[in-house]
Amino acid sequence: MLMLSVEYTDTYGGESNYSWVRRATIQADDRRSTATVMRRAKRAVGISGLRGKTYDYGDMIEFRPYGMATVMFVTVDGR
């Protein structure tokens, strides 16, 4: 099982701002799909049902909801 860190925060000028942030830790198995991870991550920070653009960088997944100045990052938890 992988432990993943989730951070959901506001943006300013398109960059993450961190004037507020919601954090969570989720579990995913090693054969996870990006869609499965995104469903769990969005549920963990309370934004289920929001549509947006997802970018998978391999070691990090970035999600930007449409029409909102926010961003969510999902990374492997190094604890």
N, C-alpha and C. Protein backbone atom coordinates (compact mmCIF):
# COMPACT_ATOMS: atom_id res chain seq x y z
N MET A 1 0.83 -1.19 0.00
CA MET A 1 0.00 0.00 0.00
C MET A 1 0.87 1.26 0.00
N LEU A 2 0.48 2.20 -0.81
CA LEU A 2 1.14 3.50 -0.85
C LEU A 2 0.37 4.48 0.03
N MET A 3 1.06 5.30 0.75
CA MET A 3 0.44 6.40 1.49
C MET A 3 0.67 7.66 0.65
N LEU A 4 -0.41 8.38 0.36
CA LEU A 4 -0.34 9.57 -0.48
C LEU A 4 -0.79 10.79 0.31
N SER A 5 -0.06 11.89 0.17
CA SER A 5 -0.41 13.16 0.79
C SER A 5 -1.23 13.98 -0.20
N VAL A 6 -2.29 14.60 0.31
CA VAL A 6 -3.16 15.43 -0.51
C VAL A 6 -3.16 16.83 0.07
N GLU A 7 -2.96 17.85 -0.76
CA GLU A 7 -3.03 19.25 -0.35
C GLU A 7 -3.94 19.99 -1.31
N TYR A 8 -4.92 20.69 -0.78
CA TYR A 8 -5.85 21.47 -1.57
C TYR A 8 -5.76 22.91 -1.08
N THR A 9 -5.44 23.85 -1.96
CA THR A 9 -5.21 25.22 -1.54
C THR A 9 -5.67 26.20 -2.62
N ASP A 10 -5.61 27.47 -2.27
CA ASP A 10 -5.99 28.53 -3.20
C ASP A 10 -4.80 28.89 -4.10
N THR A 11 -5.10 29.65 -5.16
CA THR A 11 -4.04 30.12 -6.04
C THR A 11 -4.11 31.64 -6.16
N TYR A 12 -3.00 32.21 -6.52
CA TYR A 12 -2.92 33.64 -6.80
C TYR A 12 -2.07 33.79 -8.04
N GLY A 13 -2.65 34.32 -9.10
CA GLY A 13 -1.93 34.44 -10.36
C GLY A 13 -1.58 33.10 -10.97
N GLY A 14 -2.37 32.07 -10.65
CA GLY A 14 -2.13 30.74 -11.19
C GLY A 14 -1.17 29.88 -10.39
N GLU A 15 -0.51 30.45 -9.40
CA GLU A 15 0.44 29.72 -8.56
C GLU A 15 -0.20 29.40 -7.22
N SER A 16 0.18 28.27 -6.60
CA SER A 16 -0.37 27.92 -5.29
C SER A 16 0.01 29.00 -4.29
N ASN A 17 -0.97 29.38 -3.44
CA ASN A 17 -0.79 30.51 -2.54
C ASN A 17 -0.68 30.11 -1.07
N TYR A 18 -1.38 29.07 -0.64
CA TYR A 18 -1.35 28.56 0.72
C TYR A 18 -1.80 29.57 1.76
N SER A 19 -2.73 30.50 1.42
CA SER A 19 -3.31 31.35 2.46
C SER A 19 -4.28 30.51 3.29
N TRP A 20 -4.77 29.43 2.73
CA TRP A 20 -5.49 28.38 3.45
C TRP A 20 -5.15 27.07 2.77
N VAL A 21 -5.26 25.97 3.49
CA VAL A 21 -4.93 24.67 2.91
C VAL A 21 -5.69 23.58 3.65
N ARG A 22 -6.15 22.59 2.91
CA ARG A 22 -6.74 21.38 3.49
C ARG A 22 -5.77 20.25 3.16
N ARG A 23 -5.40 19.49 4.19
CA ARG A 23 -4.46 18.37 3.99
C ARG A 23 -5.12 17.07 4.42
N ALA A 24 -4.74 15.99 3.75
CA ALA A 24 -5.23 14.67 4.09
C ALA A 24 -4.19 13.64 3.65
N THR A 25 -4.30 12.44 4.19
CA THR A 25 -3.47 11.31 3.78
C THR A 25 -4.41 10.19 3.36
N ILE A 26 -4.15 9.60 2.21
CA ILE A 26 -4.98 8.51 1.71
C ILE A 26 -4.10 7.31 1.39
N GLN A 27 -4.74 6.15 1.23
CA GLN A 27 -4.02 4.94 0.85
C GLN A 27 -4.41 4.54 -0.56
N ALA A 28 -3.46 3.98 -1.29
CA ALA A 28 -3.73 3.44 -2.61
C ALA A 28 -2.83 2.23 -2.81
N ASP A 29 -3.33 1.24 -3.51
CA ASP A 29 -2.47 0.09 -3.77
C ASP A 29 -1.49 0.43 -4.90
N ASP A 30 -0.49 -0.40 -5.07
CA ASP A 30 0.59 -0.12 -6.02
C ASP A 30 0.13 -0.10 -7.47
N ARG A 31 -0.99 -0.74 -7.77
CA ARG A 31 -1.49 -0.81 -9.14
C ARG A 31 -2.58 0.23 -9.37
N ARG A 32 -2.51 1.32 -8.68
CA ARG A 32 -3.56 2.34 -8.72
C ARG A 32 -3.63 3.00 -10.09
N SER A 33 -4.84 3.44 -10.44
CA SER A 33 -5.00 4.26 -11.64
C SER A 33 -5.15 5.71 -11.19
N THR A 34 -4.85 6.62 -12.07
CA THR A 34 -4.97 8.05 -11.74
C THR A 34 -6.41 8.39 -11.36
N ALA A 35 -7.38 7.83 -12.06
CA ALA A 35 -8.78 8.12 -11.77
C ALA A 35 -9.18 7.66 -10.36
N THR A 36 -8.72 6.50 -9.95
CA THR A 36 -9.02 5.99 -8.61
C THR A 36 -8.40 6.88 -7.55
N VAL A 37 -7.15 7.25 -7.74
CA VAL A 37 -6.47 8.13 -6.79
C VAL A 37 -7.19 9.47 -6.70
N MET A 38 -7.59 10.02 -7.82
CA MET A 38 -8.27 11.32 -7.83
C MET A 38 -9.60 11.26 -7.10
N ARG A 39 -10.36 10.19 -7.30
CA ARG A 39 -11.64 10.06 -6.57
C ARG A 39 -11.42 10.05 -5.07
N ARG A 40 -10.43 9.27 -4.61
CA ARG A 40 -10.14 9.19 -3.18
C ARG A 40 -9.61 10.52 -2.63
N ALA A 41 -8.73 11.17 -3.38
CA ALA A 41 -8.15 12.44 -2.94
C ALA A 41 -9.21 13.53 -2.86
N LYS A 42 -10.06 13.64 -3.88
CA LYS A 42 -11.11 14.66 -3.89
C LYS A 42 -12.09 14.42 -2.74
N ARG A 43 -12.42 13.17 -2.47
CA ARG A 43 -13.31 12.86 -1.35
C ARG A 43 -12.66 13.26 -0.02
N ALA A 44 -11.35 13.02 0.11
CA ALA A 44 -10.64 13.30 1.37
C ALA A 44 -10.62 14.79 1.71
N VAL A 45 -10.58 15.67 0.71
CA VAL A 45 -10.53 17.11 0.99
C VAL A 45 -11.87 17.80 0.74
N GLY A 46 -12.91 17.02 0.45
CA GLY A 46 -14.26 17.57 0.37
C GLY A 46 -14.63 18.24 -0.94
N ILE A 47 -14.04 17.81 -2.04
CA ILE A 47 -14.39 18.42 -3.32
C ILE A 47 -14.89 17.39 -4.32
N SER A 48 -15.50 16.32 -3.84
CA SER A 48 -16.07 15.31 -4.74
C SER A 48 -17.05 15.97 -5.70
N GLY A 49 -17.06 15.52 -6.92
CA GLY A 49 -18.00 16.03 -7.90
C GLY A 49 -17.50 17.22 -8.70
N LEU A 50 -16.41 17.86 -8.27
CA LEU A 50 -15.87 18.98 -9.05
C LEU A 50 -15.14 18.45 -10.28
N ARG A 51 -15.37 19.08 -11.40
CA ARG A 51 -14.65 18.73 -12.61
C ARG A 51 -13.51 19.70 -12.81
N GLY A 52 -12.48 19.23 -13.49
CA GLY A 52 -11.34 20.09 -13.73
C GLY A 52 -10.32 19.40 -14.60
N LYS A 53 -9.13 19.94 -14.64
CA LYS A 53 -8.03 19.42 -15.44
C LYS A 53 -7.03 18.71 -14.53
N THR A 54 -6.65 17.49 -14.89
CA THR A 54 -5.71 16.70 -14.12
C THR A 54 -4.41 16.56 -14.90
N TYR A 55 -3.30 16.77 -14.21
CA TYR A 55 -1.97 16.62 -14.80
C TYR A 55 -1.22 15.56 -13.99
N ASP A 56 -0.78 14.49 -14.64
CA ASP A 56 -0.04 13.42 -13.96
C ASP A 56 1.42 13.54 -14.34
N TYR A 57 2.26 13.92 -13.38
CA TYR A 57 3.69 14.11 -13.61
C TYR A 57 4.52 12.89 -13.22
N GLY A 58 3.86 11.80 -12.87
CA GLY A 58 4.57 10.59 -12.47
C GLY A 58 4.74 10.51 -10.96
N ASP A 59 5.43 11.48 -10.37
CA ASP A 59 5.62 11.48 -8.91
C ASP A 59 4.65 12.43 -8.21
N MET A 60 3.85 13.16 -8.98
CA MET A 60 2.86 14.08 -8.42
C MET A 60 1.69 14.19 -9.39
N ILE A 61 0.49 14.30 -8.83
CA ILE A 61 -0.71 14.56 -9.62
C ILE A 61 -1.23 15.92 -9.21
N GLU A 62 -1.53 16.76 -10.19
CA GLU A 62 -2.06 18.10 -9.94
C GLU A 62 -3.47 18.17 -10.51
N PHE A 63 -4.40 18.74 -9.75
CA PHE A 63 -5.78 18.88 -10.19
C PHE A 63 -6.20 20.34 -10.03
N ARG A 64 -6.72 20.93 -11.11
CA ARG A 64 -7.19 22.32 -11.09
C ARG A 64 -8.67 22.34 -11.48
N PRO A 65 -9.56 22.57 -10.49
CA PRO A 65 -10.99 22.62 -10.81
C PRO A 65 -11.30 23.77 -11.76
N TYR A 66 -12.25 23.54 -12.68
CA TYR A 66 -12.67 24.58 -13.61
C TYR A 66 -13.35 25.72 -12.87
N GLY A 67 -13.03 26.96 -13.25
CA GLY A 67 -13.71 28.14 -12.73
C GLY A 67 -13.42 28.48 -11.28
N MET A 68 -12.41 27.90 -10.70
CA MET A 68 -12.06 28.16 -9.30
C MET A 68 -10.57 28.49 -9.23
N ALA A 69 -10.20 29.34 -8.32
CA ALA A 69 -8.79 29.69 -8.13
C ALA A 69 -8.19 28.79 -7.06
N THR A 70 -8.23 27.47 -7.32
CA THR A 70 -7.70 26.49 -6.38
C THR A 70 -6.91 25.43 -7.12
N VAL A 71 -6.12 24.67 -6.36
CA VAL A 71 -5.33 23.58 -6.92
C VAL A 71 -5.19 22.49 -5.86
N MET A 72 -5.12 21.24 -6.31
CA MET A 72 -4.90 20.11 -5.41
C MET A 72 -3.67 19.35 -5.90
N PHE A 73 -2.81 18.98 -4.96
CA PHE A 73 -1.62 18.20 -5.26
C PHE A 73 -1.70 16.87 -4.53
N VAL A 74 -1.34 15.78 -5.20
CA VAL A 74 -1.27 14.45 -4.59
C VAL A 74 0.15 13.94 -4.81
N THR A 75 0.85 13.65 -3.71
CA THR A 75 2.23 13.16 -3.78
C THR A 75 2.39 11.97 -2.86
N VAL A 76 3.45 11.19 -3.08
CA VAL A 76 3.76 10.06 -2.21
C VAL A 76 4.20 10.62 -0.86
N ASP A 77 3.59 10.08 0.21
CA ASP A 77 3.91 10.52 1.57
C ASP A 77 5.25 9.89 1.98
N GLY A 78 6.21 10.70 2.32
CA GLY A 78 7.55 10.23 2.64
C GLY A 78 7.75 9.82 4.08
N ARG A 79 6.70 9.70 4.86
CA ARG A 79 6.87 9.32 6.29
C ARG A 79 7.25 7.91 6.46
